[in-house]
Amino acid sequence: MRRQAEASPAALGAEDALQTPLADRADQINHIRQKIVATTEGGTITGEERRREHTDELHGAIMSDEGRPTDYKLTYIDLLRRALDDVPKSFADLQNDAMKRISARLQGSG
């Protein structure tokens, strides 16, 4: 969806009124993506961590212990779950509202 929003302005004229809304949507989609994954590009090690990396670390810590997960790890699971709760809602809101309006405008402009 982000790639489409970024590529669509190239197909439009430079003065097309949809340039700004499409760029805004691409930024919003990227912002949602940045909540989940480290997005620094270029192949360098930056130490940037997002929810995916934290979840991976927690999974490794739980799997490396033979016993029951500690209270700390269980609390961390709950924290990560709550941190992710807003992501699907944010994406659904963007998809159901903003992208439908832009799609209608794109279809209307041919």
N, C-alpha and C. Protein backbone atom coordinates (compact mmCIF):
# COMPACT_ATOMS: atom_id res chain seq x y z
N MET A 1 0.83 -1.19 0.00
CA MET A 1 0.00 0.00 0.00
C MET A 1 0.88 1.26 0.00
N ARG A 2 1.96 1.21 0.79
CA ARG A 2 2.88 2.35 0.86
C ARG A 2 3.55 2.56 -0.49
N ARG A 3 3.98 1.47 -1.12
CA ARG A 3 4.64 1.58 -2.42
C ARG A 3 3.70 2.15 -3.47
N GLN A 4 2.44 1.74 -3.42
CA GLN A 4 1.46 2.27 -4.37
C GLN A 4 1.24 3.76 -4.15
N ALA A 5 1.14 4.16 -2.88
CA ALA A 5 0.92 5.58 -2.58
C ALA A 5 2.12 6.41 -2.99
N GLU A 6 3.32 5.83 -2.89
CA GLU A 6 4.52 6.56 -3.30
C GLU A 6 4.67 6.59 -4.82
N ALA A 7 4.24 5.53 -5.50
CA ALA A 7 4.39 5.44 -6.95
C ALA A 7 3.32 6.20 -7.70
N SER A 8 2.13 6.31 -7.14
CA SER A 8 1.01 6.94 -7.85
C SER A 8 1.28 8.39 -8.26
N PRO A 9 1.91 9.22 -7.43
CA PRO A 9 2.14 10.60 -7.86
C PRO A 9 2.98 10.71 -9.13
N ALA A 10 3.87 9.76 -9.38
CA ALA A 10 4.69 9.79 -10.58
C ALA A 10 3.83 9.64 -11.84
N ALA A 11 2.70 8.94 -11.72
CA ALA A 11 1.80 8.75 -12.85
C ALA A 11 0.89 9.96 -13.07
N LEU A 12 0.81 10.82 -12.07
CA LEU A 12 -0.02 12.01 -12.17
C LEU A 12 0.80 13.18 -12.67
N GLY A 13 0.14 14.18 -13.15
CA GLY A 13 0.84 15.40 -13.54
C GLY A 13 1.37 16.13 -12.32
N ALA A 14 2.39 16.93 -12.52
CA ALA A 14 3.04 17.64 -11.40
C ALA A 14 2.08 18.58 -10.69
N GLU A 15 1.08 19.05 -11.37
CA GLU A 15 0.13 20.00 -10.79
C GLU A 15 -1.16 19.33 -10.31
N ASP A 16 -1.20 18.01 -10.36
CA ASP A 16 -2.41 17.29 -9.98
C ASP A 16 -2.71 17.51 -8.49
N ALA A 17 -3.97 17.73 -8.18
CA ALA A 17 -4.39 18.01 -6.81
C ALA A 17 -4.23 16.80 -5.89
N LEU A 18 -4.05 15.60 -6.44
CA LEU A 18 -3.90 14.40 -5.62
C LEU A 18 -2.46 14.15 -5.18
N GLN A 19 -1.52 14.95 -5.67
CA GLN A 19 -0.12 14.77 -5.28
C GLN A 19 0.05 14.82 -3.76
N THR A 20 -0.46 15.86 -3.14
CA THR A 20 -0.29 16.05 -1.69
C THR A 20 -1.03 14.99 -0.88
N PRO A 21 -2.30 14.69 -1.17
CA PRO A 21 -2.97 13.62 -0.39
C PRO A 21 -2.27 12.27 -0.49
N LEU A 22 -1.75 11.94 -1.67
CA LEU A 22 -1.05 10.66 -1.82
C LEU A 22 0.26 10.65 -1.03
N ALA A 23 0.98 11.75 -1.07
CA ALA A 23 2.23 11.83 -0.30
C ALA A 23 1.93 11.75 1.20
N ASP A 24 0.85 12.40 1.62
CA ASP A 24 0.45 12.33 3.03
C ASP A 24 0.11 10.91 3.44
N ARG A 25 -0.60 10.18 2.59
CA ARG A 25 -0.98 8.80 2.90
C ARG A 25 0.26 7.92 2.97
N ALA A 26 1.20 8.12 2.06
CA ALA A 26 2.44 7.34 2.10
C ALA A 26 3.17 7.58 3.42
N ASP A 27 3.19 8.83 3.87
CA ASP A 27 3.82 9.15 5.16
C ASP A 27 3.09 8.48 6.31
N GLN A 28 1.75 8.50 6.28
CA GLN A 28 0.97 7.87 7.34
C GLN A 28 1.20 6.36 7.38
N ILE A 29 1.25 5.73 6.22
CA ILE A 29 1.49 4.30 6.15
C ILE A 29 2.88 3.98 6.69
N ASN A 30 3.86 4.78 6.31
CA ASN A 30 5.22 4.57 6.79
C ASN A 30 5.30 4.75 8.30
N HIS A 31 4.57 5.71 8.83
CA HIS A 31 4.55 5.94 10.28
C HIS A 31 4.00 4.71 11.02
N ILE A 32 2.95 4.10 10.48
CA ILE A 32 2.38 2.89 11.08
C ILE A 32 3.41 1.76 11.01
N ARG A 33 4.07 1.63 9.88
CA ARG A 33 5.10 0.59 9.71
C ARG A 33 6.25 0.78 10.69
N GLN A 34 6.64 2.02 10.93
CA GLN A 34 7.75 2.31 11.85
C GLN A 34 7.42 1.94 13.29
N LYS A 35 6.16 1.81 13.62
CA LYS A 35 5.80 1.38 14.96
C LYS A 35 6.15 -0.09 15.18
N ILE A 36 6.23 -0.84 14.10
CA ILE A 36 6.44 -2.28 14.20
C ILE A 36 7.89 -2.69 13.94
N VAL A 37 8.47 -2.17 12.87
CA VAL A 37 9.81 -2.64 12.46
C VAL A 37 10.80 -1.49 12.39
N ALA A 38 12.07 -1.84 12.57
CA ALA A 38 13.14 -0.86 12.38
C ALA A 38 13.22 -0.57 10.89
N THR A 39 13.20 0.69 10.52
CA THR A 39 13.11 1.04 9.10
C THR A 39 14.34 1.76 8.57
N THR A 40 15.41 1.86 9.37
CA THR A 40 16.61 2.51 8.89
C THR A 40 17.18 1.68 7.75
N GLU A 41 17.45 2.33 6.63
CA GLU A 41 17.95 1.61 5.47
C GLU A 41 19.42 1.92 5.26
N GLY A 42 20.07 1.14 4.42
CA GLY A 42 21.46 1.38 4.11
C GLY A 42 22.37 0.26 4.57
N GLY A 43 21.83 -0.70 5.29
CA GLY A 43 22.61 -1.85 5.67
C GLY A 43 23.54 -1.67 6.85
N THR A 44 23.50 -0.51 7.49
CA THR A 44 24.37 -0.31 8.64
C THR A 44 23.68 -0.77 9.92
N ILE A 45 24.46 -1.11 10.90
CA ILE A 45 23.91 -1.51 12.19
C ILE A 45 23.70 -0.24 12.99
N THR A 46 22.44 0.03 13.32
CA THR A 46 22.12 1.28 14.01
C THR A 46 21.67 1.06 15.44
N GLY A 47 21.32 -0.15 15.77
CA GLY A 47 20.81 -0.41 17.11
C GLY A 47 19.34 -0.05 17.26
N GLU A 48 18.72 0.38 16.16
CA GLU A 48 17.30 0.74 16.19
C GLU A 48 16.47 -0.51 16.48
N GLU A 49 15.58 -0.40 17.43
CA GLU A 49 14.71 -1.52 17.77
C GLU A 49 13.27 -1.06 17.82
N ARG A 50 12.42 -1.88 17.30
CA ARG A 50 10.99 -1.63 17.34
C ARG A 50 10.32 -2.85 17.96
N ARG A 51 9.04 -2.90 17.85
CA ARG A 51 8.27 -3.96 18.51
C ARG A 51 8.67 -5.36 18.01
N ARG A 52 8.96 -5.46 16.73
CA ARG A 52 9.36 -6.77 16.20
C ARG A 52 10.64 -7.26 16.86
N GLU A 53 11.61 -6.37 17.00
CA GLU A 53 12.88 -6.76 17.61
C GLU A 53 12.71 -7.09 19.10
N HIS A 54 11.88 -6.31 19.78
CA HIS A 54 11.62 -6.59 21.20
C HIS A 54 10.92 -7.93 21.37
N THR A 55 9.98 -8.23 20.49
CA THR A 55 9.27 -9.50 20.55
C THR A 55 10.23 -10.66 20.30
N ASP A 56 11.13 -10.49 19.34
CA ASP A 56 12.11 -11.52 19.04
C ASP A 56 13.02 -11.78 20.24
N GLU A 57 13.48 -10.73 20.89
CA GLU A 57 14.33 -10.88 22.08
C GLU A 57 13.58 -11.60 23.20
N LEU A 58 12.33 -11.21 23.41
CA LEU A 58 11.54 -11.83 24.46
C LEU A 58 11.30 -13.31 24.16
N HIS A 59 11.00 -13.62 22.92
CA HIS A 59 10.79 -15.02 22.52
C HIS A 59 12.05 -15.83 22.79
N GLY A 60 13.21 -15.30 22.42
CA GLY A 60 14.47 -16.00 22.67
C GLY A 60 14.72 -16.21 24.14
N ALA A 61 14.41 -15.20 24.96
CA ALA A 61 14.61 -15.32 26.41
C ALA A 61 13.69 -16.38 27.01
N ILE A 62 12.47 -16.45 26.55
CA ILE A 62 11.53 -17.45 27.06
C ILE A 62 11.94 -18.85 26.61
N MET A 63 12.33 -18.98 25.36
CA MET A 63 12.69 -20.29 24.82
C MET A 63 14.00 -20.82 25.40
N SER A 64 14.87 -19.95 25.85
CA SER A 64 16.16 -20.41 26.38
C SER A 64 16.05 -20.88 27.83
N ASP A 65 14.97 -20.54 28.50
CA ASP A 65 14.76 -21.01 29.87
C ASP A 65 13.94 -22.30 29.84
N GLU A 66 14.30 -23.23 30.71
CA GLU A 66 13.56 -24.49 30.76
C GLU A 66 12.30 -24.38 31.61
N GLY A 67 12.31 -23.44 32.53
CA GLY A 67 11.17 -23.33 33.44
C GLY A 67 10.08 -22.41 32.90
N ARG A 68 9.17 -22.15 33.76
CA ARG A 68 8.06 -21.25 33.46
C ARG A 68 8.59 -19.83 33.27
N PRO A 69 8.00 -19.03 32.35
CA PRO A 69 8.44 -17.64 32.18
C PRO A 69 8.28 -16.85 33.48
N THR A 70 9.22 -16.00 33.74
CA THR A 70 9.19 -15.19 34.96
C THR A 70 8.05 -14.17 34.88
N ASP A 71 7.70 -13.63 36.03
CA ASP A 71 6.67 -12.59 36.06
C ASP A 71 7.07 -11.40 35.20
N TYR A 72 8.35 -11.07 35.21
CA TYR A 72 8.85 -9.96 34.38
C TYR A 72 8.56 -10.22 32.90
N LYS A 73 8.85 -11.43 32.43
CA LYS A 73 8.63 -11.77 31.02
C LYS A 73 7.14 -11.76 30.69
N LEU A 74 6.32 -12.26 31.61
CA LEU A 74 4.87 -12.24 31.38
C LEU A 74 4.34 -10.80 31.31
N THR A 75 4.89 -9.95 32.17
CA THR A 75 4.49 -8.54 32.14
C THR A 75 4.94 -7.89 30.84
N TYR A 76 6.13 -8.27 30.37
CA TYR A 76 6.66 -7.72 29.12
C TYR A 76 5.80 -8.16 27.93
N ILE A 77 5.30 -9.39 27.96
CA ILE A 77 4.39 -9.87 26.91
C ILE A 77 3.15 -8.98 26.87
N ASP A 78 2.58 -8.70 28.03
CA ASP A 78 1.39 -7.85 28.11
C ASP A 78 1.70 -6.44 27.60
N LEU A 79 2.85 -5.91 27.96
CA LEU A 79 3.25 -4.58 27.50
C LEU A 79 3.38 -4.53 25.98
N LEU A 80 4.03 -5.53 25.40
CA LEU A 80 4.17 -5.57 23.94
C LEU A 80 2.81 -5.72 23.26
N ARG A 81 1.95 -6.55 23.84
CA ARG A 81 0.60 -6.75 23.26
C ARG A 81 -0.17 -5.42 23.25
N ARG A 82 -0.11 -4.68 24.36
CA ARG A 82 -0.81 -3.39 24.42
C ARG A 82 -0.18 -2.38 23.46
N ALA A 83 1.13 -2.45 23.30
CA ALA A 83 1.81 -1.53 22.38
C ALA A 83 1.40 -1.80 20.93
N LEU A 84 1.07 -3.04 20.63
CA LEU A 84 0.68 -3.39 19.27
C LEU A 84 -0.82 -3.21 19.00
N ASP A 85 -1.61 -3.08 20.04
CA ASP A 85 -3.06 -2.97 19.87
C ASP A 85 -3.48 -1.81 18.97
N ASP A 86 -2.76 -0.72 19.01
CA ASP A 86 -3.15 0.45 18.22
C ASP A 86 -2.77 0.33 16.75
N VAL A 87 -1.85 -0.57 16.39
CA VAL A 87 -1.39 -0.66 15.02
C VAL A 87 -2.48 -1.14 14.06
N PRO A 88 -3.16 -2.27 14.31
CA PRO A 88 -4.21 -2.69 13.37
C PRO A 88 -5.34 -1.67 13.26
N LYS A 89 -5.68 -1.03 14.37
CA LYS A 89 -6.74 -0.02 14.33
C LYS A 89 -6.31 1.18 13.49
N SER A 90 -5.08 1.64 13.67
CA SER A 90 -4.58 2.77 12.89
C SER A 90 -4.59 2.44 11.40
N PHE A 91 -4.15 1.23 11.06
CA PHE A 91 -4.12 0.83 9.66
C PHE A 91 -5.53 0.69 9.09
N ALA A 92 -6.42 0.10 9.84
CA ALA A 92 -7.80 -0.06 9.37
C ALA A 92 -8.47 1.29 9.17
N ASP A 93 -8.23 2.23 10.08
CA ASP A 93 -8.80 3.56 9.94
C ASP A 93 -8.28 4.23 8.66
N LEU A 94 -6.98 4.11 8.43
CA LEU A 94 -6.39 4.70 7.23
C LEU A 94 -6.95 4.04 5.98
N GLN A 95 -7.03 2.73 6.00
CA GLN A 95 -7.51 1.98 4.84
C GLN A 95 -8.98 2.25 4.55
N ASN A 96 -9.79 2.31 5.59
CA ASN A 96 -11.24 2.45 5.40
C ASN A 96 -11.67 3.88 5.13
N ASP A 97 -10.90 4.85 5.56
CA ASP A 97 -11.31 6.23 5.42
C ASP A 97 -10.52 6.95 4.33
N ALA A 98 -9.30 7.25 4.64
CA ALA A 98 -8.48 8.07 3.75
C ALA A 98 -8.23 7.42 2.40
N MET A 99 -7.88 6.13 2.40
CA MET A 99 -7.56 5.49 1.13
C MET A 99 -8.79 5.31 0.25
N LYS A 100 -9.95 5.09 0.83
CA LYS A 100 -11.16 4.97 0.02
C LYS A 100 -11.48 6.30 -0.66
N ARG A 101 -11.29 7.41 0.09
CA ARG A 101 -11.56 8.72 -0.51
C ARG A 101 -10.58 9.00 -1.65
N ILE A 102 -9.32 8.69 -1.45
CA ILE A 102 -8.33 8.93 -2.50
C ILE A 102 -8.59 8.03 -3.69
N SER A 103 -8.94 6.76 -3.44
CA SER A 103 -9.25 5.85 -4.54
C SER A 103 -10.40 6.37 -5.38
N ALA A 104 -11.43 6.88 -4.73
CA ALA A 104 -12.56 7.43 -5.45
C ALA A 104 -12.14 8.64 -6.29
N ARG A 105 -11.28 9.48 -5.73
CA ARG A 105 -10.80 10.64 -6.48
C ARG A 105 -9.92 10.23 -7.65
N LEU A 106 -9.10 9.20 -7.46
CA LEU A 106 -8.25 8.71 -8.56
C LEU A 106 -9.10 8.12 -9.68
N GLN A 107 -10.11 7.32 -9.30
CA GLN A 107 -11.00 6.75 -10.30
C GLN A 107 -11.77 7.83 -11.04
N GLY A 108 -12.18 8.85 -10.29
CA GLY A 108 -12.91 9.96 -10.92
C GLY A 108 -12.06 10.77 -11.87
N SER A 109 -10.75 10.82 -11.62
CA SER A 109 -9.88 11.60 -12.51
C SER A 109 -9.31 10.76 -13.64
N GLY A 110 -9.65 9.47 -13.61
CA GLY A 110 -9.19 8.60 -14.70
C GLY A 110 -7.79 8.10 -14.47
